[in-house]
Amino acid sequence: MQHLVNPAEVEFSAIRAQGPGGQNVNKVSSAIHLRFAIAASSLPEAYKERLLALRDSRITKDGVLVLKAQQSRSQEQNKEEALRRLQEIIDSVTFLPAVRRATKPTRGSQRRRLDSKSTHSALKQSRGRVTD
């Protein structure tokens, strides 16, 4: 189930983008900083816990997710890009991976494994130094 981000919970600030841009780059603030307070959001508690548990450098110790979008020269496109990336991060914690249950190998598979090991060992043993 996809849980959409409430735009009212997201804070945007325009900053100057890095990199090439000619004379425009020093005048126009086209890059976007997106700040999303995880604890204060309307996400379900389970999602909040999983988000805060992520070992991601973009999440501050205060529990605020900070994304910077500066791909485009358009502020609006950078805003959309930042929201899309935020949604991807939230989607990544919405599903739980299946719990892996350890199973015991069958007796036949154990036997085959040991047989192949002894066959391989015998083959290597026969590769000794040639003596006349």
N, C-alpha and C. Protein backbone atom coordinates (compact mmCIF):
# COMPACT_ATOMS: atom_id res chain seq x y z
N MET A 1 0.85 -1.19 0.00
CA MET A 1 0.00 0.00 0.00
C MET A 1 0.89 1.24 0.00
N GLN A 2 0.61 2.14 -0.89
CA GLN A 2 1.42 3.35 -0.99
C GLN A 2 0.79 4.44 -0.13
N HIS A 3 1.60 5.04 0.72
CA HIS A 3 1.13 6.11 1.58
C HIS A 3 1.69 7.42 1.04
N LEU A 4 0.78 8.29 0.57
CA LEU A 4 1.22 9.55 -0.03
C LEU A 4 1.59 10.57 1.03
N VAL A 5 2.57 11.37 0.69
CA VAL A 5 3.05 12.42 1.60
C VAL A 5 2.08 13.60 1.55
N ASN A 6 1.76 14.14 2.71
CA ASN A 6 0.93 15.32 2.79
C ASN A 6 1.83 16.54 2.50
N PRO A 7 1.54 17.30 1.42
CA PRO A 7 2.41 18.44 1.07
C PRO A 7 2.50 19.49 2.18
N ALA A 8 1.52 19.56 3.07
CA ALA A 8 1.56 20.54 4.16
C ALA A 8 2.65 20.19 5.18
N GLU A 9 3.09 18.94 5.22
CA GLU A 9 4.10 18.51 6.18
C GLU A 9 5.52 18.68 5.65
N VAL A 10 5.63 19.13 4.41
CA VAL A 10 6.93 19.28 3.76
C VAL A 10 7.29 20.75 3.70
N GLU A 11 8.53 21.07 4.06
CA GLU A 11 8.99 22.45 4.03
C GLU A 11 10.03 22.59 2.92
N PHE A 12 9.81 23.54 2.02
CA PHE A 12 10.73 23.77 0.91
C PHE A 12 11.47 25.08 1.15
N SER A 13 12.73 25.12 0.74
CA SER A 13 13.45 26.38 0.71
C SER A 13 14.31 26.39 -0.54
N ALA A 14 14.31 27.52 -1.23
CA ALA A 14 15.08 27.65 -2.47
C ALA A 14 16.48 28.12 -2.12
N ILE A 15 17.47 27.47 -2.73
CA ILE A 15 18.86 27.84 -2.52
C ILE A 15 19.55 27.92 -3.87
N ARG A 16 20.73 28.49 -3.90
CA ARG A 16 21.47 28.56 -5.16
C ARG A 16 22.07 27.20 -5.47
N ALA A 17 21.92 26.79 -6.71
CA ALA A 17 22.43 25.50 -7.13
C ALA A 17 23.93 25.58 -7.36
N GLN A 18 24.59 24.44 -7.23
CA GLN A 18 26.02 24.35 -7.52
C GLN A 18 26.21 24.04 -8.99
N GLY A 19 27.44 24.10 -9.45
CA GLY A 19 27.77 23.65 -10.79
C GLY A 19 27.58 24.70 -11.85
N PRO A 20 27.65 24.26 -13.11
CA PRO A 20 27.59 25.21 -14.23
C PRO A 20 26.22 25.85 -14.37
N GLY A 21 26.18 27.01 -14.94
CA GLY A 21 24.91 27.70 -15.16
C GLY A 21 25.15 29.08 -15.71
N GLY A 22 26.40 29.40 -15.97
CA GLY A 22 26.70 30.70 -16.56
C GLY A 22 26.42 31.83 -15.59
N GLN A 23 25.99 32.94 -16.16
CA GLN A 23 25.72 34.12 -15.32
C GLN A 23 24.51 33.92 -14.44
N ASN A 24 23.65 33.02 -14.84
CA ASN A 24 22.39 32.78 -14.12
C ASN A 24 22.62 32.16 -12.75
N VAL A 25 23.69 31.34 -12.62
CA VAL A 25 23.85 30.52 -11.43
C VAL A 25 24.01 31.35 -10.17
N ASN A 26 24.56 32.55 -10.27
CA ASN A 26 24.77 33.38 -9.09
C ASN A 26 23.57 34.24 -8.73
N LYS A 27 22.58 34.28 -9.61
CA LYS A 27 21.44 35.17 -9.38
C LYS A 27 20.17 34.44 -8.96
N VAL A 28 19.98 33.22 -9.50
CA VAL A 28 18.70 32.53 -9.34
C VAL A 28 18.84 31.38 -8.35
N SER A 29 17.92 31.31 -7.41
CA SER A 29 17.90 30.21 -6.44
C SER A 29 17.00 29.11 -6.99
N SER A 30 17.56 28.22 -7.78
CA SER A 30 16.72 27.20 -8.43
C SER A 30 16.78 25.85 -7.72
N ALA A 31 17.79 25.62 -6.90
CA ALA A 31 17.86 24.35 -6.17
C ALA A 31 16.87 24.38 -5.01
N ILE A 32 16.44 23.20 -4.59
CA ILE A 32 15.43 23.10 -3.53
C ILE A 32 15.96 22.24 -2.40
N HIS A 33 15.80 22.73 -1.17
CA HIS A 33 16.02 21.94 0.03
C HIS A 33 14.66 21.53 0.53
N LEU A 34 14.43 20.23 0.65
CA LEU A 34 13.17 19.73 1.18
C LEU A 34 13.45 19.23 2.59
N ARG A 35 12.64 19.65 3.54
CA ARG A 35 12.78 19.19 4.93
C ARG A 35 11.47 18.53 5.34
N PHE A 36 11.58 17.30 5.86
CA PHE A 36 10.41 16.52 6.25
C PHE A 36 10.64 15.99 7.66
N ALA A 37 9.87 16.52 8.62
CA ALA A 37 9.98 16.07 10.01
C ALA A 37 9.23 14.75 10.15
N ILE A 38 9.99 13.69 10.35
CA ILE A 38 9.39 12.34 10.36
C ILE A 38 8.45 12.17 11.55
N ALA A 39 8.90 12.56 12.74
CA ALA A 39 8.11 12.35 13.95
C ALA A 39 6.80 13.14 13.93
N ALA A 40 6.81 14.34 13.33
CA ALA A 40 5.62 15.18 13.31
C ALA A 40 4.69 14.88 12.15
N SER A 41 5.04 13.93 11.31
CA SER A 41 4.25 13.65 10.11
C SER A 41 3.02 12.80 10.44
N SER A 42 2.14 12.66 9.46
CA SER A 42 0.92 11.88 9.64
C SER A 42 1.10 10.44 9.18
N LEU A 43 2.35 10.01 8.97
CA LEU A 43 2.61 8.63 8.58
C LEU A 43 2.25 7.68 9.72
N PRO A 44 1.91 6.44 9.40
CA PRO A 44 1.67 5.46 10.48
C PRO A 44 2.93 5.27 11.33
N GLU A 45 2.73 4.94 12.59
CA GLU A 45 3.86 4.81 13.53
C GLU A 45 4.90 3.81 13.06
N ALA A 46 4.46 2.72 12.47
CA ALA A 46 5.40 1.69 12.00
C ALA A 46 6.34 2.25 10.94
N TYR A 47 5.79 3.07 10.04
CA TYR A 47 6.63 3.68 8.99
C TYR A 47 7.62 4.67 9.59
N LYS A 48 7.14 5.45 10.58
CA LYS A 48 8.02 6.42 11.22
C LYS A 48 9.21 5.72 11.87
N GLU A 49 8.92 4.62 12.58
CA GLU A 49 9.99 3.89 13.26
C GLU A 49 11.00 3.35 12.25
N ARG A 50 10.51 2.80 11.14
CA ARG A 50 11.41 2.24 10.13
C ARG A 50 12.22 3.34 9.45
N LEU A 51 11.59 4.50 9.21
CA LEU A 51 12.32 5.62 8.61
C LEU A 51 13.44 6.10 9.54
N LEU A 52 13.11 6.25 10.82
CA LEU A 52 14.10 6.73 11.78
C LEU A 52 15.20 5.69 11.99
N ALA A 53 14.89 4.42 11.75
CA ALA A 53 15.89 3.36 11.93
C ALA A 53 16.84 3.26 10.74
N LEU A 54 16.48 3.90 9.62
CA LEU A 54 17.35 3.84 8.44
C LEU A 54 18.69 4.50 8.77
N ARG A 55 19.76 3.87 8.29
CA ARG A 55 21.08 4.48 8.47
C ARG A 55 21.36 5.32 7.24
N ASP A 56 20.74 6.50 7.22
CA ASP A 56 20.83 7.38 6.06
C ASP A 56 21.38 8.72 6.51
N SER A 57 22.40 9.20 5.82
CA SER A 57 23.03 10.45 6.22
C SER A 57 22.11 11.66 6.00
N ARG A 58 21.04 11.48 5.24
CA ARG A 58 20.12 12.59 4.98
C ARG A 58 19.13 12.80 6.12
N ILE A 59 19.11 11.89 7.09
CA ILE A 59 18.22 12.03 8.25
C ILE A 59 19.04 12.58 9.41
N THR A 60 18.63 13.75 9.91
CA THR A 60 19.37 14.39 11.00
C THR A 60 19.07 13.67 12.31
N LYS A 61 19.86 13.98 13.35
CA LYS A 61 19.63 13.34 14.65
C LYS A 61 18.31 13.78 15.27
N ASP A 62 17.75 14.89 14.76
CA ASP A 62 16.44 15.35 15.24
C ASP A 62 15.29 14.65 14.53
N GLY A 63 15.60 13.77 13.58
CA GLY A 63 14.56 13.04 12.86
C GLY A 63 13.97 13.82 11.70
N VAL A 64 14.77 14.70 11.09
CA VAL A 64 14.31 15.48 9.94
C VAL A 64 15.04 14.97 8.71
N LEU A 65 14.29 14.60 7.70
CA LEU A 65 14.85 14.14 6.44
C LEU A 65 15.10 15.35 5.55
N VAL A 66 16.34 15.53 5.10
CA VAL A 66 16.70 16.69 4.27
C VAL A 66 17.15 16.19 2.91
N LEU A 67 16.45 16.64 1.86
CA LEU A 67 16.81 16.27 0.49
C LEU A 67 17.14 17.54 -0.28
N LYS A 68 18.13 17.45 -1.15
CA LYS A 68 18.50 18.59 -1.99
C LYS A 68 18.33 18.17 -3.44
N ALA A 69 17.54 18.95 -4.18
CA ALA A 69 17.31 18.67 -5.60
C ALA A 69 17.82 19.85 -6.40
N GLN A 70 18.74 19.59 -7.33
CA GLN A 70 19.29 20.68 -8.14
C GLN A 70 19.59 20.23 -9.56
N GLN A 71 18.92 19.16 -10.01
CA GLN A 71 19.17 18.64 -11.35
C GLN A 71 18.73 19.61 -12.44
N SER A 72 17.58 20.20 -12.23
CA SER A 72 16.98 21.04 -13.26
C SER A 72 17.30 22.51 -13.02
N ARG A 73 17.14 23.32 -14.06
CA ARG A 73 17.31 24.77 -13.89
C ARG A 73 16.00 25.42 -13.48
N SER A 74 14.95 24.61 -13.40
CA SER A 74 13.63 25.11 -13.01
C SER A 74 13.36 24.76 -11.54
N GLN A 75 12.96 25.74 -10.77
CA GLN A 75 12.66 25.52 -9.36
C GLN A 75 11.50 24.55 -9.20
N GLU A 76 10.50 24.67 -10.07
CA GLU A 76 9.32 23.80 -9.98
C GLU A 76 9.68 22.34 -10.26
N GLN A 77 10.52 22.11 -11.25
CA GLN A 77 10.94 20.73 -11.56
C GLN A 77 11.78 20.16 -10.42
N ASN A 78 12.61 20.98 -9.80
CA ASN A 78 13.41 20.51 -8.67
C ASN A 78 12.52 20.17 -7.49
N LYS A 79 11.42 20.92 -7.31
CA LYS A 79 10.46 20.63 -6.23
C LYS A 79 9.81 19.27 -6.47
N GLU A 80 9.40 19.03 -7.71
CA GLU A 80 8.78 17.75 -8.05
C GLU A 80 9.76 16.60 -7.86
N GLU A 81 11.01 16.82 -8.26
CA GLU A 81 12.05 15.80 -8.10
C GLU A 81 12.28 15.48 -6.63
N ALA A 82 12.33 16.49 -5.78
CA ALA A 82 12.53 16.28 -4.34
C ALA A 82 11.35 15.51 -3.74
N LEU A 83 10.12 15.87 -4.13
CA LEU A 83 8.94 15.15 -3.63
C LEU A 83 8.94 13.70 -4.10
N ARG A 84 9.36 13.47 -5.35
CA ARG A 84 9.41 12.10 -5.88
C ARG A 84 10.43 11.27 -5.09
N ARG A 85 11.58 11.86 -4.78
CA ARG A 85 12.60 11.13 -4.02
C ARG A 85 12.15 10.86 -2.59
N LEU A 86 11.43 11.82 -1.99
CA LEU A 86 10.87 11.61 -0.65
C LEU A 86 9.89 10.45 -0.68
N GLN A 87 9.03 10.42 -1.71
CA GLN A 87 8.04 9.35 -1.83
C GLN A 87 8.74 8.00 -1.98
N GLU A 88 9.84 7.96 -2.74
CA GLU A 88 10.59 6.71 -2.91
C GLU A 88 11.13 6.21 -1.58
N ILE A 89 11.64 7.12 -0.76
CA ILE A 89 12.19 6.73 0.54
C ILE A 89 11.09 6.18 1.42
N ILE A 90 9.93 6.84 1.41
CA ILE A 90 8.81 6.37 2.24
C ILE A 90 8.31 5.02 1.72
N ASP A 91 8.24 4.88 0.38
CA ASP A 91 7.80 3.60 -0.19
C ASP A 91 8.74 2.47 0.18
N SER A 92 10.03 2.78 0.35
CA SER A 92 10.99 1.73 0.66
C SER A 92 10.76 1.11 2.04
N VAL A 93 10.10 1.83 2.94
CA VAL A 93 9.85 1.29 4.28
C VAL A 93 8.40 0.82 4.45
N THR A 94 7.58 0.92 3.41
CA THR A 94 6.17 0.54 3.57
C THR A 94 5.95 -0.96 3.55
N PHE A 95 6.88 -1.71 2.95
CA PHE A 95 6.68 -3.15 2.95
C PHE A 95 7.74 -3.80 3.81
N LEU A 96 7.33 -4.85 4.51
CA LEU A 96 8.26 -5.60 5.34
C LEU A 96 8.84 -6.75 4.52
N PRO A 97 10.13 -6.93 4.54
CA PRO A 97 10.68 -8.08 3.84
C PRO A 97 10.23 -9.37 4.53
N ALA A 98 10.07 -10.42 3.75
CA ALA A 98 9.63 -11.69 4.31
C ALA A 98 10.68 -12.20 5.29
N VAL A 99 10.20 -12.72 6.42
CA VAL A 99 11.11 -13.24 7.43
C VAL A 99 11.68 -14.56 6.94
N ARG A 100 13.01 -14.65 6.96
CA ARG A 100 13.65 -15.87 6.49
C ARG A 100 13.68 -16.87 7.62
N ARG A 101 13.14 -18.04 7.35
CA ARG A 101 13.15 -19.10 8.34
C ARG A 101 14.20 -20.12 7.92
N ALA A 102 15.11 -20.43 8.83
CA ALA A 102 16.17 -21.37 8.51
C ALA A 102 15.58 -22.76 8.36
N THR A 103 15.99 -23.45 7.31
CA THR A 103 15.53 -24.82 7.10
C THR A 103 16.73 -25.75 7.14
N LYS A 104 16.47 -27.00 7.50
CA LYS A 104 17.55 -27.97 7.60
C LYS A 104 17.72 -28.64 6.24
N PRO A 105 18.98 -28.80 5.78
CA PRO A 105 19.16 -29.49 4.51
C PRO A 105 18.73 -30.96 4.63
N THR A 106 18.21 -31.49 3.55
CA THR A 106 17.75 -32.88 3.58
C THR A 106 18.96 -33.81 3.71
N ARG A 107 18.71 -35.02 4.17
CA ARG A 107 19.80 -35.98 4.34
C ARG A 107 20.43 -36.31 3.00
N GLY A 108 19.59 -36.40 1.97
CA GLY A 108 20.10 -36.69 0.62
C GLY A 108 21.03 -35.59 0.12
N SER A 109 20.65 -34.33 0.35
CA SER A 109 21.50 -33.22 -0.12
C SER A 109 22.81 -33.19 0.65
N GLN A 110 22.76 -33.51 1.94
CA GLN A 110 24.00 -33.58 2.72
C GLN A 110 24.92 -34.68 2.18
N ARG A 111 24.32 -35.84 1.89
CA ARG A 111 25.08 -36.98 1.37
C ARG A 111 25.73 -36.62 0.02
N ARG A 112 24.94 -36.00 -0.88
CA ARG A 112 25.47 -35.62 -2.20
C ARG A 112 26.62 -34.62 -2.06
N ARG A 113 26.46 -33.66 -1.13
CA ARG A 113 27.51 -32.67 -0.92
C ARG A 113 28.80 -33.34 -0.45
N LEU A 114 28.70 -34.24 0.52
CA LEU A 114 29.88 -34.90 1.05
C LEU A 114 30.51 -35.83 0.00
N ASP A 115 29.68 -36.49 -0.80
CA ASP A 115 30.20 -37.35 -1.87
C ASP A 115 30.98 -36.53 -2.89
N SER A 116 30.43 -35.36 -3.28
CA SER A 116 31.13 -34.54 -4.27
C SER A 116 32.44 -34.01 -3.69
N LYS A 117 32.45 -33.71 -2.38
CA LYS A 117 33.68 -33.23 -1.75
C LYS A 117 34.75 -34.32 -1.77
N SER A 118 34.35 -35.55 -1.45
CA SER A 118 35.34 -36.63 -1.42
C SER A 118 35.81 -36.97 -2.82
N THR A 119 34.93 -36.88 -3.83
CA THR A 119 35.33 -37.12 -5.22
C THR A 119 36.34 -36.07 -5.65
N HIS A 120 36.06 -34.82 -5.34
CA HIS A 120 36.95 -33.72 -5.70
C HIS A 120 38.29 -33.87 -4.99
N SER A 121 38.25 -34.29 -3.73
CA SER A 121 39.47 -34.49 -2.95
C SER A 121 40.33 -35.60 -3.56
N ALA A 122 39.67 -36.70 -3.96
CA ALA A 122 40.40 -37.82 -4.56
C ALA A 122 41.04 -37.38 -5.88
N LEU A 123 40.34 -36.58 -6.65
CA LEU A 123 40.87 -36.08 -7.92
C LEU A 123 42.12 -35.24 -7.67
N LYS A 124 42.06 -34.38 -6.66
CA LYS A 124 43.22 -33.53 -6.36
C LYS A 124 44.39 -34.35 -5.82
N GLN A 125 44.08 -35.38 -5.03
CA GLN A 125 45.14 -36.23 -4.50
C GLN A 125 45.90 -36.95 -5.62
N SER A 126 45.17 -37.27 -6.70
CA SER A 126 45.80 -38.01 -7.79
C SER A 126 46.69 -37.11 -8.63
N ARG A 127 46.68 -35.83 -8.39
CA ARG A 127 47.49 -34.89 -9.16
C ARG A 127 48.87 -34.64 -8.53
N GLY A 128 49.39 -35.62 -7.85
CA GLY A 128 50.68 -35.46 -7.18
C GLY A 128 51.83 -35.37 -8.15
N ARG A 129 53.05 -35.28 -7.60
CA ARG A 129 54.26 -35.22 -8.39
C ARG A 129 54.49 -36.56 -9.07
N VAL A 130 54.89 -36.52 -10.33
CA VAL A 130 55.13 -37.74 -11.10
C VAL A 130 56.50 -38.29 -10.70
N THR A 131 56.53 -39.57 -10.32
CA THR A 131 57.80 -40.22 -9.96
C THR A 131 58.05 -41.40 -10.89
N ASP A 132 59.30 -41.60 -11.30
CA ASP A 132 59.63 -42.71 -12.21
C ASP A 132 60.05 -43.94 -11.48
